[in-house]
Amino acid sequence: QVQLVESGGDLVQPGGSLRVSCAASGSMFRINAMAWYRQAPGKQRELVASIRYDGSTKYADSVKGRFTISRDNAKVTVYLQMNSLKPEDTAVYYCNADVYRYSFSTTTINYWGLGTQVTVAS
């Protein structure tokens, strides 16, 4: 099995910065795409940012220019640096990964972490 563990969630003031991390562990060959999603109370889960193994990235329009996703393939860890935080960024942030379990795998298996709470308030 593969586990994803998020960390770094906190209470920050509007305009502040925060970095959340997600470390993968378990039996795997390689992680293809990794992503951060978020879910605010009463709202659907939404994609925040994603990064492929080659480093190419995508962002939701609402976070472009403020958030940066990065990954350390050696540490199988993905980060989300969040700057200029707004109250509407308040949500549980979830890590997601598409994993090749074995070297001969032709498809990936999708995994989720349990989430980390980010609250932006004064």
C-alpha atoms as a PDB file:
ATOM      1  CA  GLN A   1       0.000   0.000   0.000  1.00  0.00           C
ATOM      2  CA  VAL A   2       0.923   3.634  -0.418  1.00  0.00           C
ATOM      3  CA  GLN A   3       0.329   6.269   2.229  1.00  0.00           C
ATOM      4  CA  LEU A   4       0.220  10.027   1.755  1.00  0.00           C
ATOM      5  CA  VAL A   5       0.681  12.149   4.863  1.00  0.00           C
ATOM      6  CA  GLU A   6       0.103  15.880   4.762  1.00  0.00           C
ATOM      7  CA  SER A   7       1.577  18.342   7.232  1.00  0.00           C
ATOM      8  CA  GLY A   8       1.999  22.060   7.752  1.00  0.00           C
ATOM      9  CA  GLY A   9      -1.585  23.226   8.005  1.00  0.00           C
ATOM     10  CA  ASP A  10      -2.087  26.118  10.389  1.00  0.00           C
ATOM     11  CA  LEU A  11      -3.959  29.301  11.219  1.00  0.00           C
ATOM     12  CA  VAL A  12      -2.494  32.295   9.370  1.00  0.00           C
ATOM     13  CA  GLN A  13      -3.502  35.907   8.965  1.00  0.00           C
ATOM     14  CA  PRO A  14      -4.695  37.287   5.632  1.00  0.00           C
ATOM     15  CA  GLY A  15      -1.723  38.209   3.497  1.00  0.00           C
ATOM     16  CA  GLY A  16       0.455  35.661   5.214  1.00  0.00           C
ATOM     17  CA  SER A  17       2.309  32.642   3.862  1.00  0.00           C
ATOM     18  CA  LEU A  18       2.297  28.947   4.610  1.00  0.00           C
ATOM     19  CA  ARG A  19       3.892  25.836   3.165  1.00  0.00           C
ATOM     20  CA  VAL A  20       2.189  22.468   3.342  1.00  0.00           C
ATOM     21  CA  SER A  21       3.927  19.207   2.586  1.00  0.00           C
ATOM     22  CA  CYS A  22       2.883  15.715   1.593  1.00  0.00           C
ATOM     23  CA  ALA A  23       5.182  12.754   2.006  1.00  0.00           C
ATOM     24  CA  ALA A  24       4.526   9.453   0.289  1.00  0.00           C
ATOM     25  CA  SER A  25       5.597   6.134   1.706  1.00  0.00           C
ATOM     26  CA  GLY A  26       5.043   2.476   1.038  1.00  0.00           C
ATOM     27  CA  SER A  27       5.669   0.105  -1.792  1.00  0.00           C
ATOM     28  CA  MET A  28       5.855   1.872  -5.133  1.00  0.00           C
ATOM     29  CA  PHE A  29       7.918   2.165  -8.283  1.00  0.00           C
ATOM     30  CA  ARG A  30       7.311   5.779  -9.168  1.00  0.00           C
ATOM     31  CA  ILE A  31       4.815   8.544  -8.604  1.00  0.00           C
ATOM     32  CA  ASN A  32       3.558  10.118 -11.805  1.00  0.00           C
ATOM     33  CA  ALA A  33       1.435  13.175 -11.084  1.00  0.00           C
ATOM     34  CA  MET A  34       0.982  14.685  -7.639  1.00  0.00           C
ATOM     35  CA  ALA A  35      -1.584  17.281  -6.786  1.00  0.00           C
ATOM     36  CA  TRP A  36      -3.158  19.383  -4.081  1.00  0.00           C
ATOM     37  CA  TYR A  37      -6.912  19.664  -3.749  1.00  0.00           C
ATOM     38  CA  ARG A  38      -8.918  21.604  -1.209  1.00  0.00           C
ATOM     39  CA  GLN A  39     -12.396  21.451   0.212  1.00  0.00           C
ATOM     40  CA  ALA A  40     -14.056  24.277   2.087  1.00  0.00           C
ATOM     41  CA  PRO A  41     -17.115  23.708   4.292  1.00  0.00           C
ATOM     42  CA  GLY A  42     -20.208  23.238   2.175  1.00  0.00           C
ATOM     43  CA  LYS A  43     -18.247  23.209  -1.069  1.00  0.00           C
ATOM     44  CA  GLN A  44     -17.001  20.561  -3.447  1.00  0.00           C
ATOM     45  CA  ARG A  45     -13.402  19.454  -3.466  1.00  0.00           C
ATOM     46  CA  GLU A  46     -11.439  21.378  -6.065  1.00  0.00           C
ATOM     47  CA  LEU A  47      -8.062  21.036  -7.728  1.00  0.00           C
ATOM     48  CA  VAL A  48      -5.575  23.641  -6.542  1.00  0.00           C
ATOM     49  CA  ALA A  49      -2.383  22.645  -8.325  1.00  0.00           C
ATOM     50  CA  SER A  50      -0.736  19.632  -9.914  1.00  0.00           C
ATOM     51  CA  ILE A  51       2.771  18.648 -10.917  1.00  0.00           C
ATOM     52  CA  ARG A  52       3.912  15.854 -13.162  1.00  0.00           C
ATOM     53  CA  TYR A  53       7.054  13.767 -12.761  1.00  0.00           C
ATOM     54  CA  ASP A  54       8.815  15.946 -15.337  1.00  0.00           C
ATOM     55  CA  GLY A  55       8.029  19.033 -13.274  1.00  0.00           C
ATOM     56  CA  SER A  56       5.327  20.543 -15.456  1.00  0.00           C
ATOM     57  CA  THR A  57       2.651  22.282 -13.408  1.00  0.00           C
ATOM     58  CA  LYS A  58      -0.944  23.463 -13.559  1.00  0.00           C
ATOM     59  CA  TYR A  59      -2.813  25.828 -11.251  1.00  0.00           C
ATOM     60  CA  ALA A  60      -6.375  26.820 -10.566  1.00  0.00           C
ATOM     61  CA  ASP A  61      -7.050  30.362 -11.724  1.00  0.00           C
ATOM     62  CA  SER A  62      -7.856  31.405  -8.155  1.00  0.00           C
ATOM     63  CA  VAL A  63      -4.318  30.655  -6.936  1.00  0.00           C
ATOM     64  CA  LYS A  64      -2.174  31.537  -9.961  1.00  0.00           C
ATOM     65  CA  GLY A  65       0.621  33.898  -8.990  1.00  0.00           C
ATOM     66  CA  ARG A  66       0.137  33.183  -5.274  1.00  0.00           C
ATOM     67  CA  PHE A  67       0.714  29.437  -4.864  1.00  0.00           C
ATOM     68  CA  THR A  68       3.646  27.339  -6.048  1.00  0.00           C
ATOM     69  CA  ILE A  69       3.685  23.559  -6.213  1.00  0.00           C
ATOM     70  CA  SER A  70       6.974  21.672  -6.206  1.00  0.00           C
ATOM     71  CA  ARG A  71       8.187  18.147  -5.621  1.00  0.00           C
ATOM     72  CA  ASP A  72      11.264  16.290  -4.504  1.00  0.00           C
ATOM     73  CA  ASN A  73      11.293  13.013  -6.376  1.00  0.00           C
ATOM     74  CA  ALA A  74      14.078  11.589  -4.233  1.00  0.00           C
ATOM     75  CA  LYS A  75      12.041  12.231  -1.087  1.00  0.00           C
ATOM     76  CA  VAL A  76       8.719  11.456  -2.823  1.00  0.00           C
ATOM     77  CA  THR A  77       7.367  14.624  -1.305  1.00  0.00           C
ATOM     78  CA  VAL A  78       5.235  17.377  -2.787  1.00  0.00           C
ATOM     79  CA  TYR A  79       4.997  20.898  -1.416  1.00  0.00           C
ATOM     80  CA  LEU A  80       2.560  23.743  -1.791  1.00  0.00           C
ATOM     81  CA  GLN A  81       3.910  27.190  -0.998  1.00  0.00           C
ATOM     82  CA  MET A  82       1.009  29.553  -0.400  1.00  0.00           C
ATOM     83  CA  ASN A  83       1.587  33.309  -0.373  1.00  0.00           C
ATOM     84  CA  SER A  84      -0.765  36.267  -0.078  1.00  0.00           C
ATOM     85  CA  LEU A  85      -3.310  34.045   1.586  1.00  0.00           C
ATOM     86  CA  LYS A  86      -6.950  35.108   1.620  1.00  0.00           C
ATOM     87  CA  PRO A  87      -9.831  34.052   3.865  1.00  0.00           C
ATOM     88  CA  GLU A  88     -11.336  32.231   0.889  1.00  0.00           C
ATOM     89  CA  ASP A  89      -8.282  29.947   0.851  1.00  0.00           C
ATOM     90  CA  THR A  90      -9.538  28.441   4.102  1.00  0.00           C
ATOM     91  CA  ALA A  91     -10.089  24.725   3.538  1.00  0.00           C
ATOM     92  CA  VAL A  92      -8.837  21.250   4.203  1.00  0.00           C
ATOM     93  CA  TYR A  93      -5.989  20.644   1.766  1.00  0.00           C
ATOM     94  CA  TYR A  94      -5.643  17.130   0.423  1.00  0.00           C
ATOM     95  CA  CYS A  95      -2.693  15.497  -1.294  1.00  0.00           C
ATOM     96  CA  ASN A  96      -3.310  13.242  -4.279  1.00  0.00           C
ATOM     97  CA  ALA A  97      -0.943  11.009  -6.200  1.00  0.00           C
ATOM     98  CA  ASP A  98      -1.023   8.756  -9.251  1.00  0.00           C
ATOM     99  CA  VAL A  99       1.335   5.888  -8.501  1.00  0.00           C
ATOM    100  CA  TYR A 100       2.977   3.197 -10.599  1.00  0.00           C
ATOM    101  CA  ARG A 101       3.180   0.392  -8.066  1.00  0.00           C
ATOM    102  CA  TYR A 102       5.635  -1.734 -10.035  1.00  0.00           C
ATOM    103  CA  SER A 103       8.211  -1.247 -12.766  1.00  0.00           C
ATOM    104  CA  PHE A 104       6.048  -3.258 -15.153  1.00  0.00           C
ATOM    105  CA  SER A 105       2.841  -1.327 -14.332  1.00  0.00           C
ATOM    106  CA  THR A 106       1.133   0.267 -17.326  1.00  0.00           C
ATOM    107  CA  THR A 107      -1.507   2.107 -15.318  1.00  0.00           C
ATOM    108  CA  THR A 108      -1.424   4.147 -12.164  1.00  0.00           C
ATOM    109  CA  ILE A 109      -3.350   3.793  -8.929  1.00  0.00           C
ATOM    110  CA  ASN A 110      -4.734   6.936  -7.336  1.00  0.00           C
ATOM    111  CA  TYR A 111      -4.233   7.672  -3.644  1.00  0.00           C
ATOM    112  CA  TRP A 112      -5.448  10.370  -1.263  1.00  0.00           C
ATOM    113  CA  GLY A 113      -4.112  11.712   1.984  1.00  0.00           C
ATOM    114  CA  LEU A 114      -6.314  12.533   4.969  1.00  0.00           C
ATOM    115  CA  GLY A 115      -5.855  16.287   4.640  1.00  0.00           C
ATOM    116  CA  THR A 116      -4.463  19.193   6.605  1.00  0.00           C
ATOM    117  CA  GLN A 117      -6.477  22.204   7.755  1.00  0.00           C
ATOM    118  CA  VAL A 118      -5.504  25.657   6.537  1.00  0.00           C
ATOM    119  CA  THR A 119      -7.375  28.547   8.100  1.00  0.00           C
ATOM    120  CA  VAL A 120      -6.866  32.141   6.999  1.00  0.00           C
ATOM    121  CA  ALA A 121      -8.337  34.575   9.484  1.00  0.00           C
ATOM    122  CA  SER A 122      -7.437  37.554  11.573  1.00  0.00           C
END
